[in-house]
Amino acid sequence: YYADSVKGRFTISRDSGKKQLYLQMTALKPEDTAVYYCAARGWGSEP
């Protein structure tokens, strides 16, 4: 799931071992400047 502002530019993925989460960011813009936080939660429905 992606925010509209990053669709087509960012890709989220997680390895099969459930230990590593990635965010591949391409075509970066000045408005992407920020502190980026990784977060985790239990199972649940959207959003």
All heavy atoms as atom14 arrays in JSON, in Angstrom:
{
  "sequence": "YYADSVKGRFTISRDSGKKQLYLQMTALKPEDTAVYYCAARGWGSEP",
  "atom14_mask": [
    [1, 1, 1, 1, 1, 1, 1, 1, 1, 1, 1, 1, 0, 0],
    [1, 1, 1, 1, 1, 1, 1, 1, 1, 1, 1, 1, 0, 0],
    [1, 1, 1, 1, 1, 0, 0, 0, 0, 0, 0, 0, 0, 0],
    [1, 1, 1, 1, 1, 1, 1, 1, 0, 0, 0, 0, 0, 0],
    [1, 1, 1, 1, 1, 1, 0, 0, 0, 0, 0, 0, 0, 0],
    [1, 1, 1, 1, 1, 1, 1, 0, 0, 0, 0, 0, 0, 0],
    [1, 1, 1, 1, 1, 1, 1, 1, 1, 0, 0, 0, 0, 0],
    [1, 1, 1, 1, 0, 0, 0, 0, 0, 0, 0, 0, 0, 0],
    [1, 1, 1, 1, 1, 1, 1, 1, 1, 1, 1, 0, 0, 0],
    [1, 1, 1, 1, 1, 1, 1, 1, 1, 1, 1, 0, 0, 0],
    [1, 1, 1, 1, 1, 1, 1, 0, 0, 0, 0, 0, 0, 0],
    [1, 1, 1, 1, 1, 1, 1, 1, 0, 0, 0, 0, 0, 0],
    [1, 1, 1, 1, 1, 1, 0, 0, 0, 0, 0, 0, 0, 0],
    [1, 1, 1, 1, 1, 1, 1, 1, 1, 1, 1, 0, 0, 0],
    [1, 1, 1, 1, 1, 1, 1, 1, 0, 0, 0, 0, 0, 0],
    [1, 1, 1, 1, 1, 1, 0, 0, 0, 0, 0, 0, 0, 0],
    [1, 1, 1, 1, 0, 0, 0, 0, 0, 0, 0, 0, 0, 0],
    [1, 1, 1, 1, 1, 1, 1, 1, 1, 0, 0, 0, 0, 0],
    [1, 1, 1, 1, 1, 1, 1, 1, 1, 0, 0, 0, 0, 0],
    [1, 1, 1, 1, 1, 1, 1, 1, 1, 0, 0, 0, 0, 0],
    [1, 1, 1, 1, 1, 1, 1, 1, 0, 0, 0, 0, 0, 0],
    [1, 1, 1, 1, 1, 1, 1, 1, 1, 1, 1, 1, 0, 0],
    [1, 1, 1, 1, 1, 1, 1, 1, 0, 0, 0, 0, 0, 0],
    [1, 1, 1, 1, 1, 1, 1, 1, 1, 0, 0, 0, 0, 0],
    [1, 1, 1, 1, 1, 1, 1, 1, 0, 0, 0, 0, 0, 0],
    [1, 1, 1, 1, 1, 1, 1, 0, 0, 0, 0, 0, 0, 0],
    [1, 1, 1, 1, 1, 0, 0, 0, 0, 0, 0, 0, 0, 0],
    [1, 1, 1, 1, 1, 1, 1, 1, 0, 0, 0, 0, 0, 0],
    [1, 1, 1, 1, 1, 1, 1, 1, 1, 0, 0, 0, 0, 0],
    [1, 1, 1, 1, 1, 1, 1, 0, 0, 0, 0, 0, 0, 0],
    [1, 1, 1, 1, 1, 1, 1, 1, 1, 0, 0, 0, 0, 0],
    [1, 1, 1, 1, 1, 1, 1, 1, 0, 0, 0, 0, 0, 0],
    [1, 1, 1, 1, 1, 1, 1, 0, 0, 0, 0, 0, 0, 0],
    [1, 1, 1, 1, 1, 0, 0, 0, 0, 0, 0, 0, 0, 0],
    [1, 1, 1, 1, 1, 1, 1, 0, 0, 0, 0, 0, 0, 0],
    [1, 1, 1, 1, 1, 1, 1, 1, 1, 1, 1, 1, 0, 0],
    [1, 1, 1, 1, 1, 1, 1, 1, 1, 1, 1, 1, 0, 0],
    [1, 1, 1, 1, 1, 1, 0, 0, 0, 0, 0, 0, 0, 0],
    [1, 1, 1, 1, 1, 0, 0, 0, 0, 0, 0, 0, 0, 0],
    [1, 1, 1, 1, 1, 0, 0, 0, 0, 0, 0, 0, 0, 0],
    [1, 1, 1, 1, 1, 1, 1, 1, 1, 1, 1, 0, 0, 0],
    [1, 1, 1, 1, 0, 0, 0, 0, 0, 0, 0, 0, 0, 0],
    [1, 1, 1, 1, 1, 1, 1, 1, 1, 1, 1, 1, 1, 1],
    [1, 1, 1, 1, 0, 0, 0, 0, 0, 0, 0, 0, 0, 0],
    [1, 1, 1, 1, 1, 1, 0, 0, 0, 0, 0, 0, 0, 0],
    [1, 1, 1, 1, 1, 1, 1, 1, 1, 0, 0, 0, 0, 0],
    [1, 1, 1, 1, 1, 1, 1, 0, 0, 0, 0, 0, 0, 0]
  ],
  "atom14_positions": [
    [[0.86, -1.17, 0.0], [0.0, 0.0, 0.0], [0.9, 1.23, 0.0], [1.9, 1.27, 0.71], [-0.91, 0.01, 1.23], [-1.82, -1.19, 1.34], [-1.35, -2.38, 1.86], [-3.14, -1.13, 0.91], [-2.18, -3.5, 1.95], [-3.97, -2.23, 0.99], [-3.48, -3.41, 1.51], [-4.31, -4.51, 1.6], [0.0, 0.0, 0.0], [0.0, 0.0, 0.0]],
    [[0.52, 2.25, -0.78], [1.36, 3.42, -0.92], [0.56, 4.7, -0.8], [-0.6, 4.77, -1.21], [2.07, 3.43, -2.28], [3.02, 2.28, -2.5], [2.63, 1.17, -3.23], [4.31, 2.32, -1.98], [3.49, 0.11, -3.44], [5.18, 1.26, -2.18], [4.77, 0.16, -2.92], [5.64, -0.88, -3.12], [0.0, 0.0, 0.0], [0.0, 0.0, 0.0]],
    [[1.21, 5.73, -0.25], [0.65, 7.06, -0.31], [0.71, 7.55, -1.76], [1.6, 7.18, -2.52], [1.43, 8.01, 0.59], [0.0, 0.0, 0.0], [0.0, 0.0, 0.0], [0.0, 0.0, 0.0], [0.0, 0.0, 0.0], [0.0, 0.0, 0.0], [0.0, 0.0, 0.0], [0.0, 0.0, 0.0], [0.0, 0.0, 0.0], [0.0, 0.0, 0.0]],
    [[-0.25, 8.38, -2.14], [-0.3, 8.88, -3.5], [0.98, 9.61, -3.9], [1.39, 9.57, -5.06], [-1.5, 9.81, -3.69], [-2.82, 9.08, -3.66], [-2.83, 7.85, -3.86], [-3.85, 9.74, -3.44], [0.0, 0.0, 0.0], [0.0, 0.0, 0.0], [0.0, 0.0, 0.0], [0.0, 0.0, 0.0], [0.0, 0.0, 0.0], [0.0, 0.0, 0.0]],
    [[1.61, 10.26, -2.95], [2.79, 11.07, -3.23], [4.02, 10.25, -3.63], [4.97, 10.8, -4.19], [3.13, 11.94, -2.02], [3.4, 11.15, -0.88], [0.0, 0.0, 0.0], [0.0, 0.0, 0.0], [0.0, 0.0, 0.0], [0.0, 0.0, 0.0], [0.0, 0.0, 0.0], [0.0, 0.0, 0.0], [0.0, 0.0, 0.0], [0.0, 0.0, 0.0]],
    [[4.0, 8.94, -3.35], [5.17, 8.12, -3.65], [4.88, 6.98, -4.62], [5.8, 6.25, -4.99], [5.8, 7.53, -2.36], [6.13, 8.65, -1.38], [4.87, 6.51, -1.72], [0.0, 0.0, 0.0], [0.0, 0.0, 0.0], [0.0, 0.0, 0.0], [0.0, 0.0, 0.0], [0.0, 0.0, 0.0], [0.0, 0.0, 0.0], [0.0, 0.0, 0.0]],
    [[3.65, 6.84, -5.05], [3.3, 5.77, -5.99], [4.11, 5.9, -7.27], [4.25, 6.98, -7.83], [1.81, 5.82, -6.31], [0.91, 5.3, -5.2], [-0.55, 5.33, -5.62], [-1.45, 4.78, -4.53], [-2.88, 4.84, -4.91], [0.0, 0.0, 0.0], [0.0, 0.0, 0.0], [0.0, 0.0, 0.0], [0.0, 0.0, 0.0], [0.0, 0.0, 0.0]],
    [[4.65, 4.77, -7.72], [5.45, 4.75, -8.93], [6.9, 5.08, -8.71], [7.72, 4.9, -9.62], [0.0, 0.0, 0.0], [0.0, 0.0, 0.0], [0.0, 0.0, 0.0], [0.0, 0.0, 0.0], [0.0, 0.0, 0.0], [0.0, 0.0, 0.0], [0.0, 0.0, 0.0], [0.0, 0.0, 0.0], [0.0, 0.0, 0.0], [0.0, 0.0, 0.0]],
    [[7.26, 5.56, -7.51], [8.64, 5.92, -7.22], [9.24, 5.07, -6.1], [10.43, 4.76, -6.14], [8.74, 7.39, -6.83], [8.27, 8.35, -7.92], [8.6, 9.8, -7.56], [7.92, 10.23, -6.33], [8.55, 10.65, -5.23], [9.88, 10.71, -5.21], [7.85, 11.03, -4.17], [0.0, 0.0, 0.0], [0.0, 0.0, 0.0], [0.0, 0.0, 0.0]],
    [[8.44, 4.72, -5.11], [8.92, 3.94, -3.97], [8.38, 2.53, -4.03], [7.27, 2.29, -4.51], [8.46, 4.57, -2.65], [9.09, 5.89, -2.31], [9.88, 6.58, -3.23], [8.89, 6.44, -1.05], [10.45, 7.8, -2.91], [9.46, 7.66, -0.72], [10.24, 8.34, -1.64], [0.0, 0.0, 0.0], [0.0, 0.0, 0.0], [0.0, 0.0, 0.0]],
    [[9.17, 1.58, -3.52], [8.75, 0.19, -3.46], [9.05, -0.38, -2.08], [10.19, -0.3, -1.62], [9.46, -0.67, -4.52], [9.19, -0.15, -5.83], [8.97, -2.11, -4.46], [0.0, 0.0, 0.0], [0.0, 0.0, 0.0], [0.0, 0.0, 0.0], [0.0, 0.0, 0.0], [0.0, 0.0, 0.0], [0.0, 0.0, 0.0], [0.0, 0.0, 0.0]],
    [[8.03, -0.93, -1.43], [8.22, -1.55, -0.13], [8.3, -3.06, -0.31], [7.59, -3.64, -1.13], [7.08, -1.17, 0.84], [7.38, -1.67, 2.25], [5.73, -1.67, 0.35], [6.41, -1.16, 3.31], [0.0, 0.0, 0.0], [0.0, 0.0, 0.0], [0.0, 0.0, 0.0], [0.0, 0.0, 0.0], [0.0, 0.0, 0.0], [0.0, 0.0, 0.0]],
    [[9.17, -3.69, 0.45], [9.31, -5.14, 0.39], [9.8, -5.67, 1.72], [10.32, -4.91, 2.55], [10.25, -5.56, -0.74], [11.55, -5.04, -0.54], [0.0, 0.0, 0.0], [0.0, 0.0, 0.0], [0.0, 0.0, 0.0], [0.0, 0.0, 0.0], [0.0, 0.0, 0.0], [0.0, 0.0, 0.0], [0.0, 0.0, 0.0], [0.0, 0.0, 0.0]],
    [[9.62, -6.96, 1.92], [10.03, -7.61, 3.16], [10.58, -8.99, 2.8], [9.99, -9.7, 1.99], [8.85, -7.71, 4.12], [9.19, -8.23, 5.5], [7.94, -8.23, 6.38], [8.21, -8.71, 7.72], [7.29, -8.86, 8.66], [6.02, -8.54, 8.4], [7.62, -9.3, 9.86], [0.0, 0.0, 0.0], [0.0, 0.0, 0.0], [0.0, 0.0, 0.0]],
    [[11.69, -9.38, 3.42], [12.3, -10.65, 3.05], [11.53, -11.83, 3.64], [10.69, -11.67, 4.53], [13.78, -10.67, 3.45], [14.01, -10.77, 4.95], [13.05, -10.88, 5.72], [15.19, -10.73, 5.35], [0.0, 0.0, 0.0], [0.0, 0.0, 0.0], [0.0, 0.0, 0.0], [0.0, 0.0, 0.0], [0.0, 0.0, 0.0], [0.0, 0.0, 0.0]],
    [[11.84, -13.02, 3.11], [11.1, -14.22, 3.5], [11.32, -14.61, 4.95], [10.52, -15.35, 5.53], [11.47, -15.39, 2.58], [12.86, -15.68, 2.66], [0.0, 0.0, 0.0], [0.0, 0.0, 0.0], [0.0, 0.0, 0.0], [0.0, 0.0, 0.0], [0.0, 0.0, 0.0], [0.0, 0.0, 0.0], [0.0, 0.0, 0.0], [0.0, 0.0, 0.0]],
    [[12.41, -14.16, 5.52], [12.71, -14.48, 6.91], [12.01, -13.58, 7.91], [12.16, -13.76, 9.11], [0.0, 0.0, 0.0], [0.0, 0.0, 0.0], [0.0, 0.0, 0.0], [0.0, 0.0, 0.0], [0.0, 0.0, 0.0], [0.0, 0.0, 0.0], [0.0, 0.0, 0.0], [0.0, 0.0, 0.0], [0.0, 0.0, 0.0], [0.0, 0.0, 0.0]],
    [[11.27, -12.61, 7.42], [10.5, -11.68, 8.26], [11.38, -10.87, 9.19], [10.95, -10.42, 10.25], [9.44, -12.42, 9.07], [8.55, -13.35, 8.27], [7.69, -12.59, 7.28], [6.65, -13.48, 6.64], [7.27, -14.58, 5.86], [0.0, 0.0, 0.0], [0.0, 0.0, 0.0], [0.0, 0.0, 0.0], [0.0, 0.0, 0.0], [0.0, 0.0, 0.0]],
    [[12.62, -10.68, 8.79], [13.56, -9.95, 9.64], [13.93, -8.57, 9.08], [14.36, -7.7, 9.84], [14.83, -10.77, 9.85], [14.63, -12.08, 10.59], [14.28, -11.84, 12.03], [14.19, -13.15, 12.8], [15.5, -13.85, 12.86], [0.0, 0.0, 0.0], [0.0, 0.0, 0.0], [0.0, 0.0, 0.0], [0.0, 0.0, 0.0], [0.0, 0.0, 0.0]],
    [[13.79, -8.39, 7.78], [14.24, -7.17, 7.14], [13.13, -6.54, 6.29], [12.52, -7.22, 5.46], [15.45, -7.46, 6.26], [16.27, -6.25, 5.87], [17.22, -5.81, 6.97], [17.48, -6.56, 7.92], [17.74, -4.61, 6.85], [0.0, 0.0, 0.0], [0.0, 0.0, 0.0], [0.0, 0.0, 0.0], [0.0, 0.0, 0.0], [0.0, 0.0, 0.0]],
    [[12.91, -5.27, 6.5], [11.96, -4.49, 5.71], [12.74, -3.47, 4.9], [13.68, -2.87, 5.41], [10.96, -3.78, 6.62], [9.92, -2.9, 5.94], [8.87, -3.76, 5.24], [9.26, -1.97, 6.96], [0.0, 0.0, 0.0], [0.0, 0.0, 0.0], [0.0, 0.0, 0.0], [0.0, 0.0, 0.0], [0.0, 0.0, 0.0], [0.0, 0.0, 0.0]],
    [[12.34, -3.26, 3.65], [13.04, -2.35, 2.77], [12.1, -1.3, 2.19], [10.9, -1.53, 2.04], [13.69, -3.1, 1.6], [14.65, -4.18, 2.01], [14.26, -5.51, 1.98], [15.94, -3.87, 2.41], [15.15, -6.52, 2.35], [16.83, -4.86, 2.79], [16.42, -6.18, 2.75], [17.3, -7.17, 3.12], [0.0, 0.0, 0.0], [0.0, 0.0, 0.0]],
    [[12.67, -0.15, 1.88], [11.98, 0.87, 1.12], [12.94, 1.36, 0.05], [13.89, 2.08, 0.35], [11.52, 2.03, 1.99], [10.7, 3.1, 1.28], [9.34, 2.54, 0.84], [10.51, 4.33, 2.15], [0.0, 0.0, 0.0], [0.0, 0.0, 0.0], [0.0, 0.0, 0.0], [0.0, 0.0, 0.0], [0.0, 0.0, 0.0], [0.0, 0.0, 0.0]],
    [[12.71, 0.94, -1.19], [13.51, 1.4, -2.31], [12.92, 2.68, -2.85], [11.76, 2.7, -3.28], [13.56, 0.33, -3.41], [14.37, 0.72, -4.63], [15.84, 0.86, -4.33], [16.45, -0.03, -3.75], [16.43, 2.0, -4.71], [0.0, 0.0, 0.0], [0.0, 0.0, 0.0], [0.0, 0.0, 0.0], [0.0, 0.0, 0.0], [0.0, 0.0, 0.0]],
    [[13.68, 3.75, -2.8], [13.22, 5.06, -3.21], [13.98, 5.5, -4.46], [15.21, 5.52, -4.47], [13.41, 6.08, -2.1], [12.77, 5.67, -0.78], [12.93, 6.96, 0.5], [14.7, 6.95, 0.73], [0.0, 0.0, 0.0], [0.0, 0.0, 0.0], [0.0, 0.0, 0.0], [0.0, 0.0, 0.0], [0.0, 0.0, 0.0], [0.0, 0.0, 0.0]],
    [[13.25, 5.85, -5.5], [13.84, 6.34, -6.74], [13.2, 7.66, -7.12], [12.16, 8.05, -6.59], [13.66, 5.33, -7.88], [12.26, 5.13, -8.14], [14.28, 3.99, -7.54], [0.0, 0.0, 0.0], [0.0, 0.0, 0.0], [0.0, 0.0, 0.0], [0.0, 0.0, 0.0], [0.0, 0.0, 0.0], [0.0, 0.0, 0.0], [0.0, 0.0, 0.0]],
    [[13.83, 8.35, -8.07], [13.33, 9.65, -8.54], [13.01, 10.57, -7.38], [11.95, 11.19, -7.32], [12.11, 9.45, -9.44], [0.0, 0.0, 0.0], [0.0, 0.0, 0.0], [0.0, 0.0, 0.0], [0.0, 0.0, 0.0], [0.0, 0.0, 0.0], [0.0, 0.0, 0.0], [0.0, 0.0, 0.0], [0.0, 0.0, 0.0], [0.0, 0.0, 0.0]],
    [[13.94, 10.67, -6.46], [13.72, 11.44, -5.24], [13.57, 12.93, -5.54], [14.22, 13.47, -6.43], [14.85, 11.21, -4.26], [14.8, 9.86, -3.53], [16.14, 9.53, -2.9], [13.7, 9.89, -2.47], [0.0, 0.0, 0.0], [0.0, 0.0, 0.0], [0.0, 0.0, 0.0], [0.0, 0.0, 0.0], [0.0, 0.0, 0.0], [0.0, 0.0, 0.0]],
    [[12.71, 13.57, -4.76], [12.42, 14.98, -4.89], [12.74, 15.69, -3.58], [12.75, 15.06, -2.52], [10.94, 15.19, -5.24], [10.46, 14.44, -6.46], [8.95, 14.59, -6.62], [8.44, 13.82, -7.82], [6.97, 13.95, -7.96], [0.0, 0.0, 0.0], [0.0, 0.0, 0.0], [0.0, 0.0, 0.0], [0.0, 0.0, 0.0], [0.0, 0.0, 0.0]],
    [[12.97, 17.0, -3.62], [13.22, 17.73, -2.37], [12.11, 17.56, -1.33], [12.4, 17.53, -0.13], [13.33, 19.18, -2.83], [13.85, 19.08, -4.22], [13.18, 17.86, -4.8], [0.0, 0.0, 0.0], [0.0, 0.0, 0.0], [0.0, 0.0, 0.0], [0.0, 0.0, 0.0], [0.0, 0.0, 0.0], [0.0, 0.0, 0.0], [0.0, 0.0, 0.0]],
    [[10.87, 17.42, -1.77], [9.77, 17.23, -0.85], [9.77, 15.88, -0.16], [8.97, 15.64, 0.76], [8.42, 17.46, -1.54], [8.24, 16.68, -2.83], [8.56, 17.5, -4.06], [9.56, 18.22, -4.06], [7.78, 17.42, -5.04], [0.0, 0.0, 0.0], [0.0, 0.0, 0.0], [0.0, 0.0, 0.0], [0.0, 0.0, 0.0], [0.0, 0.0, 0.0]],
    [[10.66, 14.98, -0.57], [10.83, 13.7, 0.11], [11.72, 13.83, 1.34], [11.86, 12.87, 2.1], [11.42, 12.65, -0.83], [10.48, 12.29, -1.97], [9.26, 12.16, -1.72], [10.97, 12.13, -3.11], [0.0, 0.0, 0.0], [0.0, 0.0, 0.0], [0.0, 0.0, 0.0], [0.0, 0.0, 0.0], [0.0, 0.0, 0.0], [0.0, 0.0, 0.0]],
    [[12.35, 14.98, 1.51], [13.23, 15.2, 2.65], [12.46, 15.08, 3.95], [11.46, 15.77, 4.17], [13.89, 16.58, 2.56], [14.74, 16.63, 1.41], [14.73, 16.86, 3.8], [0.0, 0.0, 0.0], [0.0, 0.0, 0.0], [0.0, 0.0, 0.0], [0.0, 0.0, 0.0], [0.0, 0.0, 0.0], [0.0, 0.0, 0.0], [0.0, 0.0, 0.0]],
    [[12.92, 14.19, 4.82], [12.23, 13.93, 6.08], [13.01, 12.89, 6.87], [13.94, 12.27, 6.36], [10.81, 13.42, 5.83], [0.0, 0.0, 0.0], [0.0, 0.0, 0.0], [0.0, 0.0, 0.0], [0.0, 0.0, 0.0], [0.0, 0.0, 0.0], [0.0, 0.0, 0.0], [0.0, 0.0, 0.0], [0.0, 0.0, 0.0], [0.0, 0.0, 0.0]],
    [[12.6, 12.71, 8.12], [13.06, 11.58, 8.9], [12.1, 10.43, 8.62], [10.88, 10.59, 8.77], [13.11, 11.88, 10.4], [13.5, 10.64, 11.19], [14.09, 13.01, 10.69], [0.0, 0.0, 0.0], [0.0, 0.0, 0.0], [0.0, 0.0, 0.0], [0.0, 0.0, 0.0], [0.0, 0.0, 0.0], [0.0, 0.0, 0.0], [0.0, 0.0, 0.0]],
    [[12.63, 9.3, 8.23], [11.82, 8.14, 7.88], [11.83, 7.13, 9.02], [12.89, 6.78, 9.54], [12.33, 7.49, 6.59], [11.95, 8.27, 5.35], [12.53, 9.49, 5.08], [10.99, 7.78, 4.47], [12.17, 10.22, 3.95], [10.63, 8.49, 3.34], [11.22, 9.71, 3.09], [10.86, 10.42, 1.97], [0.0, 0.0, 0.0], [0.0, 0.0, 0.0]],
    [[10.64, 6.67, 9.39], [10.48, 5.74, 10.49], [9.93, 4.4, 10.03], [8.97, 4.36, 9.24], [9.53, 6.31, 11.55], [10.01, 7.58, 12.2], [9.67, 8.82, 11.68], [10.8, 7.53, 13.34], [10.1, 9.99, 12.28], [11.24, 8.69, 13.95], [10.88, 9.92, 13.42], [11.3, 11.08, 14.02], [0.0, 0.0, 0.0], [0.0, 0.0, 0.0]],
    [[10.51, 3.34, 10.51], [9.99, 2.0, 10.32], [9.02, 1.7, 11.45], [9.24, 2.08, 12.6], [11.15, 1.0, 10.32], [10.67, -0.74, 10.29], [0.0, 0.0, 0.0], [0.0, 0.0, 0.0], [0.0, 0.0, 0.0], [0.0, 0.0, 0.0], [0.0, 0.0, 0.0], [0.0, 0.0, 0.0], [0.0, 0.0, 0.0], [0.0, 0.0, 0.0]],
    [[7.92, 1.02, 11.14], [6.92, 0.7, 12.15], [6.33, -0.68, 11.9], [6.32, -1.17, 10.77], [5.82, 1.75, 12.15], [0.0, 0.0, 0.0], [0.0, 0.0, 0.0], [0.0, 0.0, 0.0], [0.0, 0.0, 0.0], [0.0, 0.0, 0.0], [0.0, 0.0, 0.0], [0.0, 0.0, 0.0], [0.0, 0.0, 0.0], [0.0, 0.0, 0.0]],
    [[5.81, -1.29, 12.96], [5.22, -2.61, 12.86], [3.97, -2.69, 13.72], [3.86, -2.03, 14.76], [6.22, -3.68, 13.28], [0.0, 0.0, 0.0], [0.0, 0.0, 0.0], [0.0, 0.0, 0.0], [0.0, 0.0, 0.0], [0.0, 0.0, 0.0], [0.0, 0.0, 0.0], [0.0, 0.0, 0.0], [0.0, 0.0, 0.0], [0.0, 0.0, 0.0]],
    [[3.03, -3.51, 13.3], [1.77, -3.71, 14.02], [1.28, -5.12, 13.8], [1.74, -5.83, 12.9], [0.71, -2.7, 13.56], [0.5, -2.68, 12.05], [-0.8, -2.01, 11.66], [-1.93, -2.89, 11.9], [-3.21, -2.58, 11.64], [-3.49, -1.38, 11.15], [-4.17, -3.44, 11.88], [0.0, 0.0, 0.0], [0.0, 0.0, 0.0], [0.0, 0.0, 0.0]],
    [[0.32, -5.53, 14.61], [-0.28, -6.84, 14.46], [-1.27, -6.88, 13.32], [-1.57, -5.86, 12.69], [0.0, 0.0, 0.0], [0.0, 0.0, 0.0], [0.0, 0.0, 0.0], [0.0, 0.0, 0.0], [0.0, 0.0, 0.0], [0.0, 0.0, 0.0], [0.0, 0.0, 0.0], [0.0, 0.0, 0.0], [0.0, 0.0, 0.0], [0.0, 0.0, 0.0]],
    [[-1.8, -8.08, 13.08], [-2.76, -8.26, 12.0], [-4.02, -7.46, 12.27], [-4.47, -7.33, 13.41], [-3.11, -9.73, 11.84], [-4.03, -9.99, 10.68], [-3.69, -10.32, 9.4], [-5.47, -9.91, 10.69], [-4.8, -10.46, 8.61], [-5.91, -10.22, 9.38], [-6.42, -9.63, 11.68], [-7.26, -10.24, 9.04], [-7.77, -9.64, 11.33], [-8.17, -9.95, 10.02]],
    [[-4.6, -6.94, 11.22], [-5.85, -6.22, 11.32], [-6.34, -5.84, 9.94], [-5.66, -6.02, 8.94], [0.0, 0.0, 0.0], [0.0, 0.0, 0.0], [0.0, 0.0, 0.0], [0.0, 0.0, 0.0], [0.0, 0.0, 0.0], [0.0, 0.0, 0.0], [0.0, 0.0, 0.0], [0.0, 0.0, 0.0], [0.0, 0.0, 0.0], [0.0, 0.0, 0.0]],
    [[-7.54, -5.31, 9.92], [-8.13, -4.91, 8.65], [-7.61, -3.55, 8.22], [-7.02, -2.81, 9.01], [-9.65, -4.89, 8.76], [-10.08, -3.98, 9.76], [0.0, 0.0, 0.0], [0.0, 0.0, 0.0], [0.0, 0.0, 0.0], [0.0, 0.0, 0.0], [0.0, 0.0, 0.0], [0.0, 0.0, 0.0], [0.0, 0.0, 0.0], [0.0, 0.0, 0.0]],
    [[-7.84, -3.23, 6.96], [-7.48, -1.91, 6.44], [-8.3, -0.84, 7.13], [-9.38, -1.11, 7.65], [-7.73, -1.88, 4.93], [-6.89, -2.85, 4.13], [-7.18, -2.76, 2.65], [-6.93, -1.7, 2.06], [-7.68, -3.76, 2.11], [0.0, 0.0, 0.0], [0.0, 0.0, 0.0], [0.0, 0.0, 0.0], [0.0, 0.0, 0.0], [0.0, 0.0, 0.0]],
    [[-7.8, 0.41, 7.16], [-6.59, 0.9, 6.51], [-5.32, 0.62, 7.3], [-5.37, 0.33, 8.49], [-6.85, 2.4, 6.41], [-7.64, 2.69, 7.64], [-8.55, 1.5, 7.81], [0.0, 0.0, 0.0], [0.0, 0.0, 0.0], [0.0, 0.0, 0.0], [0.0, 0.0, 0.0], [0.0, 0.0, 0.0], [0.0, 0.0, 0.0], [0.0, 0.0, 0.0]]
  ]
}
